[in-house]
Amino acid sequence: MIRPEFQKILLDQRGAAVILWSFFAISIPVYLFIARQLLGNPNLGTNPAIAEPSRIVFWILTVIDLGYYGYWRQKNLTPQAIRRDARETKLFRSVAEFNGVDEQNAAHIVSTYVTRKVVIFAIIEAIAVYGFVLAFVGRFVADQVVLSLLSLVLLAVEFPRQKALDSLLAAESGS
């Protein structure tokens, strides 16, 4: 059984995940803004010998990244994978004050969930970074917009929802 006060501490970890998610999401408009400022300089990103090959490479990296996102998500972010591998993740200090096996298991599950969400955010963020580099290197503004929108959509899909964390903890709390 999980004490109500410890349950609150566990659920507060979702707030930390939301804050981290926000930083990832906010960085994408920042990349767009910075690219617009850099593109004001007519001497930047005008070498076609570098631009076209870079464009091909970064689109290939995007496809690889999308494949890895799908693979990693399926392998590591399912409720079964989180529960199965929970003991392999280092506990957050904020959830280390557990009492009993149920609370210990719940603490490991929450730590695993939040850690894996941050990893998935970073995988998604790489796509936006590819767009930023394309805008900078080759003035491929449309590519940057497409990759930024794709990243924002994927981040919206991966938003750390309360319902997901509740369902993970329900099995441990017996409710």
N, C-alpha and C. Protein backbone atom coordinates (compact mmCIF):
# COMPACT_ATOMS: atom_id res chain seq x y z
N MET A 1 0.84 -1.18 0.00
CA MET A 1 0.00 0.00 0.00
C MET A 1 0.89 1.25 0.00
N ILE A 2 0.52 2.20 -0.80
CA ILE A 2 1.29 3.45 -0.89
C ILE A 2 0.58 4.53 -0.07
N ARG A 3 1.33 5.15 0.82
CA ARG A 3 0.78 6.22 1.66
C ARG A 3 0.36 7.40 0.78
N PRO A 4 -0.71 8.10 1.13
CA PRO A 4 -1.16 9.25 0.32
C PRO A 4 -0.09 10.34 0.18
N GLU A 5 0.67 10.59 1.24
CA GLU A 5 1.71 11.63 1.15
C GLU A 5 2.84 11.21 0.20
N PHE A 6 3.15 9.92 0.16
CA PHE A 6 4.18 9.45 -0.77
C PHE A 6 3.63 9.42 -2.20
N GLN A 7 2.35 9.09 -2.33
CA GLN A 7 1.69 9.12 -3.64
C GLN A 7 1.80 10.53 -4.23
N LYS A 8 1.61 11.55 -3.39
CA LYS A 8 1.72 12.94 -3.86
C LYS A 8 3.14 13.23 -4.33
N ILE A 9 4.13 12.77 -3.58
CA ILE A 9 5.53 12.96 -3.97
C ILE A 9 5.79 12.29 -5.32
N LEU A 10 5.27 11.10 -5.48
CA LEU A 10 5.45 10.39 -6.76
C LEU A 10 4.81 11.15 -7.91
N LEU A 11 3.60 11.62 -7.70
CA LEU A 11 2.89 12.33 -8.77
C LEU A 11 3.52 13.69 -9.06
N ASP A 12 4.19 14.27 -8.07
CA ASP A 12 4.89 15.53 -8.30
C ASP A 12 6.03 15.37 -9.30
N GLN A 13 6.54 14.16 -9.45
CA GLN A 13 7.63 13.92 -10.41
C GLN A 13 7.16 14.17 -11.84
N ARG A 14 5.86 13.99 -12.08
CA ARG A 14 5.30 14.31 -13.39
C ARG A 14 5.50 15.80 -13.68
N GLY A 15 5.36 16.62 -12.65
CA GLY A 15 5.59 18.06 -12.81
C GLY A 15 7.00 18.35 -13.28
N ALA A 16 7.94 17.61 -12.75
CA ALA A 16 9.34 17.78 -13.20
C ALA A 16 9.46 17.38 -14.66
N ALA A 17 8.79 16.30 -15.05
CA ALA A 17 8.82 15.87 -16.45
C ALA A 17 8.17 16.91 -17.36
N VAL A 18 7.11 17.53 -16.89
CA VAL A 18 6.43 18.57 -17.68
C VAL A 18 7.34 19.78 -17.85
N ILE A 19 8.06 20.14 -16.81
CA ILE A 19 9.00 21.27 -16.91
C ILE A 19 10.08 20.96 -17.93
N LEU A 20 10.64 19.76 -17.87
CA LEU A 20 11.66 19.37 -18.85
C LEU A 20 11.08 19.34 -20.25
N TRP A 21 9.88 18.80 -20.39
CA TRP A 21 9.19 18.79 -21.69
C TRP A 21 9.05 20.22 -22.21
N SER A 22 8.71 21.14 -21.32
CA SER A 22 8.53 22.54 -21.72
C SER A 22 9.83 23.13 -22.27
N PHE A 23 10.94 22.81 -21.63
CA PHE A 23 12.23 23.31 -22.12
C PHE A 23 12.52 22.79 -23.53
N PHE A 24 12.24 21.51 -23.76
CA PHE A 24 12.44 20.96 -25.09
C PHE A 24 11.51 21.63 -26.10
N ALA A 25 10.26 21.80 -25.73
CA ALA A 25 9.28 22.41 -26.65
C ALA A 25 9.60 23.88 -26.93
N ILE A 26 10.00 24.61 -25.91
CA ILE A 26 10.31 26.04 -26.09
C ILE A 26 11.56 26.24 -26.94
N SER A 27 12.47 25.30 -26.89
CA SER A 27 13.72 25.46 -27.65
C SER A 27 13.46 25.47 -29.16
N ILE A 28 12.41 24.83 -29.61
CA ILE A 28 12.15 24.76 -31.05
C ILE A 28 11.83 26.14 -31.63
N PRO A 29 10.92 26.91 -31.04
CA PRO A 29 10.74 28.28 -31.56
C PRO A 29 12.00 29.13 -31.42
N VAL A 30 12.80 28.85 -30.40
CA VAL A 30 14.07 29.57 -30.26
C VAL A 30 14.98 29.27 -31.45
N TYR A 31 15.05 28.00 -31.86
CA TYR A 31 15.85 27.65 -33.05
C TYR A 31 15.34 28.41 -34.27
N LEU A 32 14.04 28.48 -34.43
CA LEU A 32 13.46 29.20 -35.57
C LEU A 32 13.84 30.68 -35.52
N PHE A 33 13.75 31.27 -34.35
CA PHE A 33 14.09 32.68 -34.19
C PHE A 33 15.57 32.93 -34.49
N ILE A 34 16.43 32.10 -33.93
CA ILE A 34 17.87 32.28 -34.15
C ILE A 34 18.20 32.12 -35.63
N ALA A 35 17.61 31.14 -36.28
CA ALA A 35 17.87 30.94 -37.71
C ALA A 35 17.46 32.17 -38.50
N ARG A 36 16.31 32.75 -38.16
CA ARG A 36 15.86 33.96 -38.88
C ARG A 36 16.86 35.09 -38.70
N GLN A 37 17.41 35.22 -37.49
CA GLN A 37 18.39 36.27 -37.23
C GLN A 37 19.68 36.02 -38.00
N LEU A 38 20.12 34.76 -38.04
CA LEU A 38 21.35 34.43 -38.76
C LEU A 38 21.18 34.60 -40.26
N LEU A 39 20.00 34.29 -40.76
CA LEU A 39 19.78 34.38 -42.20
C LEU A 39 19.73 35.82 -42.69
N GLY A 40 19.71 36.77 -41.76
CA GLY A 40 19.80 38.16 -42.15
C GLY A 40 21.18 38.51 -42.70
N ASN A 41 22.17 37.70 -42.40
CA ASN A 41 23.52 37.89 -42.91
C ASN A 41 23.63 37.17 -44.25
N PRO A 42 23.79 37.90 -45.36
CA PRO A 42 23.80 37.27 -46.68
C PRO A 42 25.02 36.38 -46.94
N ASN A 43 26.03 36.43 -46.10
CA ASN A 43 27.23 35.62 -46.30
C ASN A 43 27.14 34.24 -45.66
N LEU A 44 26.13 34.00 -44.88
CA LEU A 44 25.98 32.72 -44.21
C LEU A 44 25.17 31.75 -45.05
N GLY A 45 25.61 30.52 -45.10
CA GLY A 45 24.83 29.46 -45.72
C GLY A 45 24.65 29.58 -47.21
N THR A 46 25.65 30.06 -47.89
CA THR A 46 25.50 30.25 -49.33
C THR A 46 26.41 29.36 -50.16
N ASN A 47 27.04 28.38 -49.55
CA ASN A 47 27.95 27.51 -50.29
C ASN A 47 27.19 26.26 -50.76
N PRO A 48 26.80 26.21 -52.05
CA PRO A 48 26.01 25.07 -52.53
C PRO A 48 26.78 23.75 -52.51
N ALA A 49 28.10 23.80 -52.52
CA ALA A 49 28.89 22.57 -52.47
C ALA A 49 28.71 21.86 -51.13
N ILE A 50 28.43 22.62 -50.10
CA ILE A 50 28.22 22.04 -48.78
C ILE A 50 26.72 21.86 -48.50
N ALA A 51 25.92 22.78 -49.00
CA ALA A 51 24.50 22.81 -48.64
C ALA A 51 23.73 21.57 -49.11
N GLU A 52 23.82 21.22 -50.37
CA GLU A 52 23.04 20.08 -50.88
C GLU A 52 23.43 18.75 -50.26
N PRO A 53 24.73 18.44 -50.18
CA PRO A 53 25.09 17.18 -49.50
C PRO A 53 24.65 17.17 -48.03
N SER A 54 24.74 18.32 -47.37
CA SER A 54 24.30 18.41 -45.98
C SER A 54 22.80 18.16 -45.87
N ARG A 55 22.08 18.68 -46.82
CA ARG A 55 20.63 18.49 -46.82
C ARG A 55 20.28 17.00 -46.91
N ILE A 56 20.94 16.31 -47.80
CA ILE A 56 20.70 14.87 -47.97
C ILE A 56 21.05 14.12 -46.68
N VAL A 57 22.20 14.45 -46.12
CA VAL A 57 22.66 13.78 -44.89
C VAL A 57 21.68 14.01 -43.75
N PHE A 58 21.24 15.26 -43.57
CA PHE A 58 20.35 15.55 -42.45
C PHE A 58 18.96 14.96 -42.63
N TRP A 59 18.49 14.82 -43.86
CA TRP A 59 17.20 14.15 -44.07
C TRP A 59 17.34 12.64 -43.83
N ILE A 60 18.48 12.08 -44.20
CA ILE A 60 18.71 10.66 -43.88
C ILE A 60 18.77 10.48 -42.37
N LEU A 61 19.45 11.38 -41.68
CA LEU A 61 19.51 11.32 -40.21
C LEU A 61 18.11 11.45 -39.60
N THR A 62 17.28 12.27 -40.21
CA THR A 62 15.91 12.43 -39.72
C THR A 62 15.13 11.12 -39.83
N VAL A 63 15.25 10.46 -40.97
CA VAL A 63 14.57 9.17 -41.16
C VAL A 63 15.09 8.14 -40.16
N ILE A 64 16.40 8.12 -39.97
CA ILE A 64 16.99 7.20 -38.99
C ILE A 64 16.48 7.54 -37.58
N ASP A 65 16.45 8.81 -37.27
CA ASP A 65 15.99 9.25 -35.96
C ASP A 65 14.52 8.88 -35.72
N LEU A 66 13.69 9.03 -36.73
CA LEU A 66 12.28 8.65 -36.61
C LEU A 66 12.15 7.14 -36.38
N GLY A 67 12.94 6.36 -37.10
CA GLY A 67 12.94 4.92 -36.89
C GLY A 67 13.40 4.56 -35.49
N TYR A 68 14.44 5.22 -35.03
CA TYR A 68 14.95 4.96 -33.69
C TYR A 68 13.93 5.38 -32.63
N TYR A 69 13.26 6.49 -32.87
CA TYR A 69 12.20 6.95 -31.97
C TYR A 69 11.13 5.86 -31.83
N GLY A 70 10.66 5.35 -32.94
CA GLY A 70 9.64 4.30 -32.90
C GLY A 70 10.13 3.05 -32.19
N TYR A 71 11.33 2.63 -32.52
CA TYR A 71 11.92 1.44 -31.90
C TYR A 71 12.10 1.64 -30.40
N TRP A 72 12.71 2.75 -30.02
CA TRP A 72 13.01 3.01 -28.62
C TRP A 72 11.74 3.14 -27.81
N ARG A 73 10.76 3.81 -28.38
CA ARG A 73 9.47 4.00 -27.70
C ARG A 73 8.81 2.64 -27.44
N GLN A 74 8.79 1.80 -28.46
CA GLN A 74 8.16 0.48 -28.34
C GLN A 74 8.91 -0.42 -27.36
N LYS A 75 10.23 -0.31 -27.34
CA LYS A 75 11.04 -1.17 -26.50
C LYS A 75 11.10 -0.69 -25.04
N ASN A 76 11.06 0.61 -24.83
CA ASN A 76 11.34 1.15 -23.51
C ASN A 76 10.23 1.95 -22.84
N LEU A 77 9.21 2.37 -23.58
CA LEU A 77 8.21 3.25 -22.97
C LEU A 77 6.85 2.60 -22.77
N THR A 78 6.71 1.35 -23.06
CA THR A 78 5.45 0.67 -22.78
C THR A 78 5.35 0.45 -21.27
N PRO A 79 4.13 0.38 -20.74
CA PRO A 79 4.01 0.12 -19.30
C PRO A 79 4.72 -1.17 -18.86
N GLN A 80 4.67 -2.19 -19.71
CA GLN A 80 5.33 -3.45 -19.37
C GLN A 80 6.85 -3.26 -19.28
N ALA A 81 7.42 -2.51 -20.23
CA ALA A 81 8.87 -2.28 -20.23
C ALA A 81 9.29 -1.44 -19.02
N ILE A 82 8.49 -0.46 -18.68
CA ILE A 82 8.81 0.38 -17.52
C ILE A 82 8.78 -0.46 -16.24
N ARG A 83 7.74 -1.26 -16.08
CA ARG A 83 7.66 -2.11 -14.88
C ARG A 83 8.77 -3.16 -14.85
N ARG A 84 9.05 -3.75 -16.02
CA ARG A 84 10.05 -4.82 -16.10
C ARG A 84 11.44 -4.31 -15.74
N ASP A 85 11.78 -3.12 -16.22
CA ASP A 85 13.14 -2.60 -16.07
C ASP A 85 13.28 -1.56 -14.96
N ALA A 86 12.25 -1.37 -14.15
CA ALA A 86 12.25 -0.28 -13.18
C ALA A 86 13.44 -0.34 -12.21
N ARG A 87 13.82 -1.52 -11.80
CA ARG A 87 14.92 -1.64 -10.82
C ARG A 87 16.28 -1.28 -11.40
N GLU A 88 16.38 -1.17 -12.72
CA GLU A 88 17.66 -0.83 -13.35
C GLU A 88 17.92 0.67 -13.39
N THR A 89 16.90 1.46 -13.09
CA THR A 89 17.03 2.91 -13.14
C THR A 89 17.38 3.45 -11.76
N LYS A 90 18.26 4.42 -11.74
CA LYS A 90 18.63 5.04 -10.48
C LYS A 90 17.44 5.83 -9.94
N LEU A 91 17.21 5.71 -8.65
CA LEU A 91 16.11 6.43 -8.01
C LEU A 91 16.40 7.92 -7.90
N PHE A 92 15.37 8.72 -8.11
CA PHE A 92 15.49 10.15 -7.84
C PHE A 92 15.55 10.35 -6.33
N ARG A 93 16.31 11.32 -5.88
CA ARG A 93 16.40 11.59 -4.45
C ARG A 93 15.03 11.93 -3.86
N SER A 94 14.23 12.61 -4.63
CA SER A 94 12.92 13.06 -4.13
C SER A 94 11.97 11.91 -3.83
N VAL A 95 12.23 10.73 -4.37
CA VAL A 95 11.35 9.58 -4.12
C VAL A 95 12.07 8.47 -3.34
N ALA A 96 13.20 8.78 -2.76
CA ALA A 96 14.00 7.76 -2.06
C ALA A 96 13.52 7.50 -0.63
N GLU A 97 12.57 8.26 -0.15
CA GLU A 97 12.09 8.11 1.23
C GLU A 97 10.85 7.20 1.26
N PHE A 98 10.95 6.03 0.70
CA PHE A 98 9.81 5.12 0.65
C PHE A 98 9.76 4.24 1.89
N ASN A 99 8.56 3.71 2.13
CA ASN A 99 8.35 2.74 3.21
C ASN A 99 7.74 1.50 2.60
N GLY A 100 8.43 0.42 2.65
CA GLY A 100 7.88 -0.84 2.17
C GLY A 100 8.16 -1.11 0.70
N VAL A 101 7.86 -2.33 0.32
CA VAL A 101 8.15 -2.80 -1.04
C VAL A 101 7.28 -2.12 -2.08
N ASP A 102 6.00 -1.91 -1.77
CA ASP A 102 5.10 -1.27 -2.74
C ASP A 102 5.59 0.14 -3.08
N GLU A 103 5.96 0.89 -2.07
CA GLU A 103 6.45 2.25 -2.30
C GLU A 103 7.80 2.24 -3.01
N GLN A 104 8.64 1.30 -2.68
CA GLN A 104 9.92 1.18 -3.36
C GLN A 104 9.71 0.88 -4.85
N ASN A 105 8.84 -0.06 -5.15
CA ASN A 105 8.54 -0.38 -6.54
C ASN A 105 7.96 0.83 -7.27
N ALA A 106 7.04 1.53 -6.61
CA ALA A 106 6.44 2.72 -7.22
C ALA A 106 7.49 3.79 -7.47
N ALA A 107 8.41 3.97 -6.54
CA ALA A 107 9.48 4.96 -6.71
C ALA A 107 10.36 4.63 -7.91
N HIS A 108 10.68 3.36 -8.05
CA HIS A 108 11.48 2.94 -9.21
C HIS A 108 10.72 3.13 -10.51
N ILE A 109 9.43 2.84 -10.51
CA ILE A 109 8.62 3.00 -11.72
C ILE A 109 8.55 4.47 -12.13
N VAL A 110 8.32 5.35 -11.18
CA VAL A 110 8.25 6.78 -11.49
C VAL A 110 9.60 7.29 -11.99
N SER A 111 10.68 6.90 -11.35
CA SER A 111 12.01 7.31 -11.80
C SER A 111 12.28 6.82 -13.22
N THR A 112 11.90 5.60 -13.50
CA THR A 112 12.10 5.04 -14.84
C THR A 112 11.26 5.77 -15.87
N TYR A 113 10.01 6.01 -15.54
CA TYR A 113 9.10 6.70 -16.46
C TYR A 113 9.64 8.08 -16.82
N VAL A 114 10.01 8.87 -15.82
CA VAL A 114 10.48 10.23 -16.07
C VAL A 114 11.80 10.21 -16.85
N THR A 115 12.71 9.34 -16.45
CA THR A 115 14.00 9.25 -17.15
C THR A 115 13.81 8.89 -18.61
N ARG A 116 12.96 7.92 -18.88
CA ARG A 116 12.74 7.49 -20.26
C ARG A 116 11.99 8.54 -21.07
N LYS A 117 11.14 9.30 -20.42
CA LYS A 117 10.47 10.40 -21.14
C LYS A 117 11.50 11.44 -21.56
N VAL A 118 12.44 11.75 -20.70
CA VAL A 118 13.47 12.73 -21.05
C VAL A 118 14.31 12.23 -22.22
N VAL A 119 14.62 10.95 -22.24
CA VAL A 119 15.37 10.39 -23.37
C VAL A 119 14.58 10.53 -24.67
N ILE A 120 13.29 10.25 -24.62
CA ILE A 120 12.48 10.34 -25.83
C ILE A 120 12.37 11.80 -26.27
N PHE A 121 12.31 12.74 -25.31
CA PHE A 121 12.30 14.16 -25.67
C PHE A 121 13.58 14.53 -26.42
N ALA A 122 14.71 14.01 -25.97
CA ALA A 122 15.99 14.32 -26.62
C ALA A 122 16.06 13.73 -28.02
N ILE A 123 15.53 12.54 -28.20
CA ILE A 123 15.51 11.93 -29.54
C ILE A 123 14.68 12.81 -30.48
N ILE A 124 13.55 13.29 -30.00
CA ILE A 124 12.68 14.14 -30.81
C ILE A 124 13.35 15.49 -31.08
N GLU A 125 13.99 16.02 -30.09
CA GLU A 125 14.65 17.33 -30.22
C GLU A 125 15.73 17.32 -31.31
N ALA A 126 16.37 16.18 -31.49
CA ALA A 126 17.41 16.07 -32.52
C ALA A 126 16.85 16.42 -33.89
N ILE A 127 15.61 16.08 -34.15
CA ILE A 127 14.99 16.39 -35.45
C ILE A 127 14.92 17.89 -35.65
N ALA A 128 14.53 18.63 -34.62
CA ALA A 128 14.48 20.09 -34.72
C ALA A 128 15.87 20.67 -34.90
N VAL A 129 16.86 20.07 -34.26
CA VAL A 129 18.24 20.54 -34.42
C VAL A 129 18.71 20.33 -35.86
N TYR A 130 18.32 19.20 -36.47
CA TYR A 130 18.68 18.98 -37.87
C TYR A 130 18.11 20.09 -38.74
N GLY A 131 16.88 20.48 -38.48
CA GLY A 131 16.27 21.58 -39.23
C GLY A 131 17.02 22.89 -39.02
N PHE A 132 17.42 23.14 -37.80
CA PHE A 132 18.18 24.36 -37.50
C PHE A 132 19.49 24.38 -38.29
N VAL A 133 20.17 23.27 -38.30
CA VAL A 133 21.44 23.18 -39.04
C VAL A 133 21.20 23.38 -40.54
N LEU A 134 20.13 22.79 -41.05
CA LEU A 134 19.82 22.96 -42.48
C LEU A 134 19.54 24.42 -42.82
N ALA A 135 18.84 25.13 -41.94
CA ALA A 135 18.58 26.55 -42.19
C ALA A 135 19.87 27.34 -42.14
N PHE A 136 20.74 26.98 -41.24
CA PHE A 136 22.00 27.71 -41.08
C PHE A 136 22.98 27.41 -42.22
N VAL A 137 23.13 26.13 -42.57
CA VAL A 137 24.13 25.72 -43.56
C VAL A 137 23.68 26.03 -44.98
N GLY A 138 22.42 25.78 -45.29
CA GLY A 138 22.00 25.92 -46.67
C GLY A 138 20.82 26.81 -46.93
N ARG A 139 20.40 27.53 -45.90
CA ARG A 139 19.23 28.40 -46.04
C ARG A 139 17.98 27.62 -46.44
N PHE A 140 17.88 26.42 -45.94
CA PHE A 140 16.70 25.58 -46.21
C PHE A 140 15.65 25.85 -45.14
N VAL A 141 15.01 27.00 -45.26
CA VAL A 141 14.05 27.45 -44.27
C VAL A 141 12.82 26.54 -44.24
N ALA A 142 12.35 26.13 -45.39
CA ALA A 142 11.17 25.26 -45.44
C ALA A 142 11.48 23.92 -44.74
N ASP A 143 12.68 23.41 -44.94
CA ASP A 143 13.07 22.17 -44.26
C ASP A 143 13.05 22.36 -42.75
N GLN A 144 13.58 23.49 -42.30
CA GLN A 144 13.58 23.75 -40.86
C GLN A 144 12.16 23.82 -40.31
N VAL A 145 11.27 24.47 -41.02
CA VAL A 145 9.89 24.59 -40.56
C VAL A 145 9.24 23.21 -40.48
N VAL A 146 9.44 22.39 -41.51
CA VAL A 146 8.86 21.04 -41.52
C VAL A 146 9.41 20.21 -40.37
N LEU A 147 10.71 20.22 -40.19
CA LEU A 147 11.31 19.43 -39.12
C LEU A 147 10.94 19.96 -37.74
N SER A 148 10.81 21.26 -37.61
CA SER A 148 10.38 21.85 -36.34
C SER A 148 8.94 21.46 -36.01
N LEU A 149 8.07 21.53 -37.00
CA LEU A 149 6.67 21.12 -36.79
C LEU A 149 6.58 19.64 -36.44
N LEU A 150 7.35 18.82 -37.13
CA LEU A 150 7.38 17.39 -36.83
C LEU A 150 7.81 17.16 -35.38
N SER A 151 8.84 17.86 -34.95
CA SER A 151 9.30 17.73 -33.56
C SER A 151 8.23 18.18 -32.57
N LEU A 152 7.56 19.28 -32.87
CA LEU A 152 6.52 19.76 -31.97
C LEU A 152 5.35 18.77 -31.89
N VAL A 153 4.98 18.17 -33.01
CA VAL A 153 3.91 17.18 -33.01
C VAL A 153 4.31 15.97 -32.17
N LEU A 154 5.53 15.49 -32.37
CA LEU A 154 6.00 14.33 -31.59
C LEU A 154 6.10 14.66 -30.11
N LEU A 155 6.54 15.87 -29.79
CA LEU A 155 6.59 16.27 -28.38
C LEU A 155 5.18 16.32 -27.79
N ALA A 156 4.22 16.79 -28.57
CA ALA A 156 2.83 16.81 -28.08
C ALA A 156 2.34 15.39 -27.80
N VAL A 157 2.71 14.46 -28.67
CA VAL A 157 2.33 13.05 -28.47
C VAL A 157 2.97 12.51 -27.19
N GLU A 158 4.19 12.92 -26.91
CA GLU A 158 4.94 12.40 -25.77
C GLU A 158 4.77 13.22 -24.49
N PHE A 159 3.84 14.15 -24.48
CA PHE A 159 3.61 14.94 -23.27
C PHE A 159 3.37 13.99 -22.09
N PRO A 160 4.04 14.23 -20.95
CA PRO A 160 3.89 13.33 -19.80
C PRO A 160 2.53 13.52 -19.12
N ARG A 161 1.57 12.71 -19.51
CA ARG A 161 0.21 12.84 -19.03
C ARG A 161 0.02 12.18 -17.65
N GLN A 162 -0.84 12.80 -16.89
CA GLN A 162 -1.16 12.30 -15.55
C GLN A 162 -1.76 10.90 -15.63
N LYS A 163 -2.59 10.67 -16.62
CA LYS A 163 -3.27 9.37 -16.76
C LYS A 163 -2.25 8.24 -16.92
N ALA A 164 -1.20 8.47 -17.69
CA ALA A 164 -0.19 7.44 -17.90
C ALA A 164 0.51 7.09 -16.59
N LEU A 165 0.87 8.10 -15.84
CA LEU A 165 1.53 7.85 -14.56
C LEU A 165 0.58 7.20 -13.56
N ASP A 166 -0.66 7.65 -13.55
CA ASP A 166 -1.67 7.04 -12.67
C ASP A 166 -1.82 5.55 -12.95
N SER A 167 -1.88 5.20 -14.23
CA SER A 167 -2.07 3.78 -14.57
C SER A 167 -0.84 2.94 -14.19
N LEU A 168 0.34 3.52 -14.30
CA LEU A 168 1.54 2.80 -13.88
C LEU A 168 1.54 2.58 -12.37
N LEU A 169 1.09 3.58 -11.62
CA LEU A 169 1.10 3.48 -10.17
C LEU A 169 -0.08 2.67 -9.63
N ALA A 170 -1.15 2.57 -10.39
CA ALA A 170 -2.34 1.85 -9.92
C ALA A 170 -2.02 0.39 -9.60
N ALA A 171 -1.20 -0.21 -10.42
CA ALA A 171 -0.85 -1.62 -10.19
C ALA A 171 -0.06 -1.78 -8.89
N GLU A 172 0.75 -0.79 -8.56
CA GLU A 172 1.58 -0.88 -7.34
C GLU A 172 0.79 -0.54 -6.08
N SER A 173 -0.15 0.40 -6.21
CA SER A 173 -0.88 0.82 -5.03
C SER A 173 -2.06 -0.07 -4.71
N GLY A 174 -2.40 -0.96 -5.64
CA GLY A 174 -3.50 -1.89 -5.42
C GLY A 174 -4.86 -1.25 -5.59
N SER A 175 -4.88 -0.05 -6.20
CA SER A 175 -6.17 0.62 -6.40
C SER A 175 -6.66 0.49 -7.80
